[in-house]
N, C-alpha and C. Protein backbone atom coordinates (compact mmCIF):
# COMPACT_ATOMS: atom_id res chain seq x y z
N UNK A 1 10.80 56.92 -3.11
CA UNK A 1 11.52 58.03 -3.54
C UNK A 1 12.70 58.05 -2.33
N UNK A 2 14.18 58.41 -2.75
CA UNK A 2 15.14 58.49 -1.64
C UNK A 2 15.29 59.90 -1.62
N UNK A 3 15.14 60.53 -0.25
CA UNK A 3 15.63 61.41 0.20
C UNK A 3 16.81 61.74 0.66
N UNK A 4 17.97 62.37 0.46
CA UNK A 4 18.94 62.57 1.16
C UNK A 4 19.47 63.74 2.00
N UNK A 5 19.56 63.42 2.81
CA UNK A 5 20.07 63.99 3.78
C UNK A 5 21.49 65.51 3.91
N UNK A 6 20.73 66.10 3.95
CA UNK A 6 21.92 67.39 3.71
C UNK A 6 22.92 67.73 5.09
N UNK A 7 23.96 68.28 4.67
CA UNK A 7 25.21 68.10 5.69
C UNK A 7 24.94 68.65 7.08
N UNK A 8 23.97 69.51 6.99
CA UNK A 8 23.61 70.39 8.17
C UNK A 8 22.44 68.96 9.11
N UNK A 9 21.93 68.17 8.46
CA UNK A 9 21.17 67.16 8.80
C UNK A 9 22.19 66.40 9.40
N UNK A 10 22.79 65.80 9.12
CA UNK A 10 24.43 64.48 9.30
C UNK A 10 25.12 65.34 10.00
N UNK A 11 25.17 66.54 10.42
CA UNK A 11 26.34 66.79 11.77
C UNK A 11 25.17 67.28 12.69
N UNK A 12 23.85 67.64 12.45
CA UNK A 12 23.01 67.14 13.69
C UNK A 12 22.76 66.18 14.37
N UNK A 13 22.25 65.20 13.61
CA UNK A 13 22.64 63.55 14.27
C UNK A 13 23.90 63.04 14.68
N UNK A 14 24.87 63.52 14.32
CA UNK A 14 26.20 62.78 14.73
C UNK A 14 26.12 63.78 16.27
N UNK A 15 25.89 65.25 16.26
CA UNK A 15 25.59 65.96 17.33
C UNK A 15 24.38 65.07 18.26
N UNK A 16 23.79 64.72 17.96
CA UNK A 16 22.62 64.49 18.87
C UNK A 16 23.24 62.95 19.40
N UNK A 17 24.14 62.18 18.58
CA UNK A 17 23.90 61.13 19.10
C UNK A 17 25.47 61.26 20.02
N UNK A 18 25.96 62.42 19.89
CA UNK A 18 27.84 62.74 20.54
C UNK A 18 27.01 62.64 22.15
N UNK A 19 26.04 63.38 22.17
CA UNK A 19 25.54 64.31 23.34
C UNK A 19 24.76 62.96 24.20
N UNK A 20 24.18 61.93 23.42
CA UNK A 20 23.13 60.79 23.90
C UNK A 20 24.53 60.02 24.42
N UNK A 21 25.71 59.28 23.68
CA UNK A 21 26.51 58.68 24.16
C UNK A 21 27.41 59.25 25.45
N UNK A 22 27.60 60.51 25.55
CA UNK A 22 28.39 61.23 26.33
C UNK A 22 27.62 61.30 27.75
N UNK A 23 26.60 61.29 27.62
CA UNK A 23 25.07 61.00 28.89
C UNK A 23 25.26 59.49 28.83
N UNK A 24 25.56 57.99 28.35
CA UNK A 24 25.78 57.24 28.68
C UNK A 24 26.98 56.96 29.71
N UNK A 25 28.24 57.46 29.22
CA UNK A 25 29.54 57.36 29.72
C UNK A 25 29.23 58.24 31.57
N UNK A 26 28.64 58.82 31.18
CA UNK A 26 28.52 59.60 33.08
C UNK A 26 27.41 58.26 33.38
N UNK A 27 26.47 58.05 33.37
CA UNK A 27 25.65 57.29 33.84
C UNK A 27 26.52 56.01 33.94
N UNK A 28 27.21 55.54 33.16
CA UNK A 28 27.50 54.01 33.22
C UNK A 28 29.21 53.91 34.05
N UNK A 29 29.43 54.72 33.40
CA UNK A 29 31.15 55.14 34.31
C UNK A 29 31.16 56.22 35.11
N UNK A 30 30.29 56.89 35.62
CA UNK A 30 30.49 58.05 37.27
C UNK A 30 31.47 58.71 36.27
N UNK A 31 31.73 59.67 35.09
CA UNK A 31 32.82 59.96 34.43
C UNK A 31 31.90 61.83 34.83
N UNK A 32 32.86 62.97 35.16
CA UNK A 32 32.39 64.05 35.03
C UNK A 32 31.79 64.27 33.56
N UNK A 33 31.08 65.30 33.14
CA UNK A 33 30.53 65.70 31.92
C UNK A 33 31.91 66.04 30.98
N UNK A 34 32.77 66.78 31.74
CA UNK A 34 33.95 66.70 30.91
C UNK A 34 34.98 65.46 30.69
N UNK A 35 34.85 64.59 31.56
CA UNK A 35 35.56 63.73 31.34
C UNK A 35 35.34 62.68 30.27
N UNK A 36 33.71 62.32 30.10
CA UNK A 36 33.04 61.72 29.33
C UNK A 36 33.28 62.57 27.74
N UNK A 37 33.23 63.47 27.56
CA UNK A 37 33.35 64.27 26.18
C UNK A 37 34.92 64.02 25.80
N UNK A 38 35.78 63.84 27.09
CA UNK A 38 37.10 63.66 26.80
C UNK A 38 37.26 62.24 25.80
N UNK A 39 36.98 61.26 26.85
CA UNK A 39 36.76 59.82 26.47
C UNK A 39 35.95 59.51 25.20
N UNK A 40 35.25 60.41 25.24
CA UNK A 40 34.25 60.13 23.47
C UNK A 40 35.35 60.84 22.70
N UNK A 41 35.32 62.05 22.86
CA UNK A 41 36.20 62.60 21.56
C UNK A 41 37.32 61.91 20.86
N UNK A 42 37.94 61.28 22.15
CA UNK A 42 39.68 60.39 21.88
C UNK A 42 39.23 58.98 21.54
N UNK A 43 37.88 58.82 21.38
CA UNK A 43 38.01 57.20 20.78
C UNK A 43 37.99 57.19 19.48
N UNK A 44 38.51 55.77 19.26
CA UNK A 44 38.21 55.41 17.87
C UNK A 44 36.71 55.43 17.33
N UNK A 45 35.77 54.89 18.73
CA UNK A 45 34.20 54.76 18.12
C UNK A 45 33.66 56.34 17.41
N UNK A 46 34.09 57.71 17.88
CA UNK A 46 33.58 59.30 17.70
C UNK A 46 34.55 59.61 16.15
N UNK A 47 35.65 58.87 15.81
CA UNK A 47 36.22 58.91 14.92
C UNK A 47 35.58 58.30 13.82
N UNK A 48 34.71 56.98 14.05
CA UNK A 48 33.91 56.31 12.55
C UNK A 48 32.97 57.07 12.62
N UNK A 49 32.77 57.73 13.87
CA UNK A 49 31.25 58.43 13.61
C UNK A 49 31.48 59.51 12.62
N UNK A 50 32.07 60.20 12.70
CA UNK A 50 32.52 61.60 12.05
C UNK A 50 32.66 61.25 10.75
N UNK A 51 32.88 59.72 9.96
CA UNK A 51 33.35 59.44 8.80
C UNK A 51 31.92 59.01 8.23
N UNK A 52 31.39 60.34 7.47
CA UNK A 52 30.06 59.94 6.77
C UNK A 52 29.98 58.61 6.35
N UNK A 53 30.75 58.14 5.67
CA UNK A 53 31.10 56.80 4.78
C UNK A 53 30.62 55.67 5.55
N UNK A 54 31.02 55.96 6.96
CA UNK A 54 30.72 54.75 7.88
C UNK A 54 29.02 54.76 8.39
N UNK A 55 28.70 55.79 7.98
CA UNK A 55 26.98 55.81 8.28
C UNK A 55 26.46 55.51 9.55
N UNK A 56 27.64 55.51 10.46
CA UNK A 56 27.20 55.34 11.96
C UNK A 56 26.33 56.38 12.74
N UNK A 57 26.40 57.39 11.84
CA UNK A 57 25.69 58.59 12.43
C UNK A 57 24.24 58.34 12.02
N UNK A 58 23.88 57.46 11.21
CA UNK A 58 22.33 56.92 11.26
C UNK A 58 21.42 55.93 11.94
N UNK A 59 22.81 55.24 12.66
CA UNK A 59 22.36 54.42 13.60
C UNK A 59 21.73 54.76 14.74
N UNK A 60 21.35 54.06 16.15
CA UNK A 60 20.72 54.01 17.09
C UNK A 60 21.48 54.52 17.91
N UNK A 61 21.60 55.38 19.08
CA UNK A 61 22.74 55.59 20.16
C UNK A 61 23.04 54.39 20.67
N UNK A 62 22.21 53.12 21.26
CA UNK A 62 22.45 52.02 21.57
C UNK A 62 23.45 51.23 21.19
N UNK A 63 23.25 51.05 19.92
CA UNK A 63 24.21 50.66 18.61
C UNK A 63 25.83 50.97 18.79
N UNK A 64 26.00 52.23 18.37
CA UNK A 64 26.88 52.93 18.63
C UNK A 64 27.69 52.84 19.80
N UNK A 65 26.98 53.40 20.87
CA UNK A 65 27.49 53.07 22.24
C UNK A 65 28.10 51.62 22.63
N UNK A 66 27.83 50.32 21.92
CA UNK A 66 27.87 49.05 22.47
C UNK A 66 29.26 49.12 21.44
N UNK A 67 29.64 49.86 20.60
CA UNK A 67 31.33 50.04 20.18
C UNK A 67 32.08 51.14 20.76
N UNK A 68 31.53 51.49 21.45
CA UNK A 68 32.22 52.43 22.37
C UNK A 68 32.95 51.43 23.56
N UNK A 69 31.55 51.08 24.33
CA UNK A 69 31.47 49.96 25.61
C UNK A 69 32.93 48.90 25.40
N UNK A 70 32.93 48.77 24.18
CA UNK A 70 33.61 47.16 23.10
C UNK A 70 35.55 47.93 23.26
N UNK A 71 35.15 49.00 22.84
CA UNK A 71 36.55 49.82 22.74
C UNK A 71 37.29 50.31 23.94
N UNK A 72 36.21 50.91 25.30
CA UNK A 72 36.53 51.00 26.28
C UNK A 72 37.51 49.18 26.95
N UNK A 73 36.63 48.57 27.08
CA UNK A 73 36.76 47.35 27.57
C UNK A 73 37.79 46.75 27.30
N UNK A 74 38.23 47.06 25.62
CA UNK A 74 39.73 46.46 24.83
C UNK A 74 40.60 47.72 25.94
N UNK A 75 40.53 48.20 25.94
CA UNK A 75 41.37 49.50 26.41
C UNK A 75 41.89 49.09 27.93
N UNK A 76 40.85 49.21 28.76
CA UNK A 76 41.30 48.74 30.28
C UNK A 76 41.65 47.32 30.36
N UNK A 77 41.96 46.64 29.53
CA UNK A 77 42.18 45.18 29.55
C UNK A 77 43.86 45.34 28.69
N UNK A 78 44.20 46.65 28.43
CA UNK A 78 45.26 46.40 27.60
C UNK A 78 46.17 46.74 28.44
């Protein structure tokens, strides 16, 4: 039997992931909390996380963070 997540549960998963991702940015890049949130919220990774069809909200924070790290690395090279 498969249980479907409610929209509220999905939003909670997204919110929890966002908090963890911001924490990773603070730890790894020494951003202030405000900078970390700004970087996260303006990223393509966050945009994908908000799109329910990607299912990214259901993945581990480390997995999602790897996308964000790659995105930041690409941006720093450009």
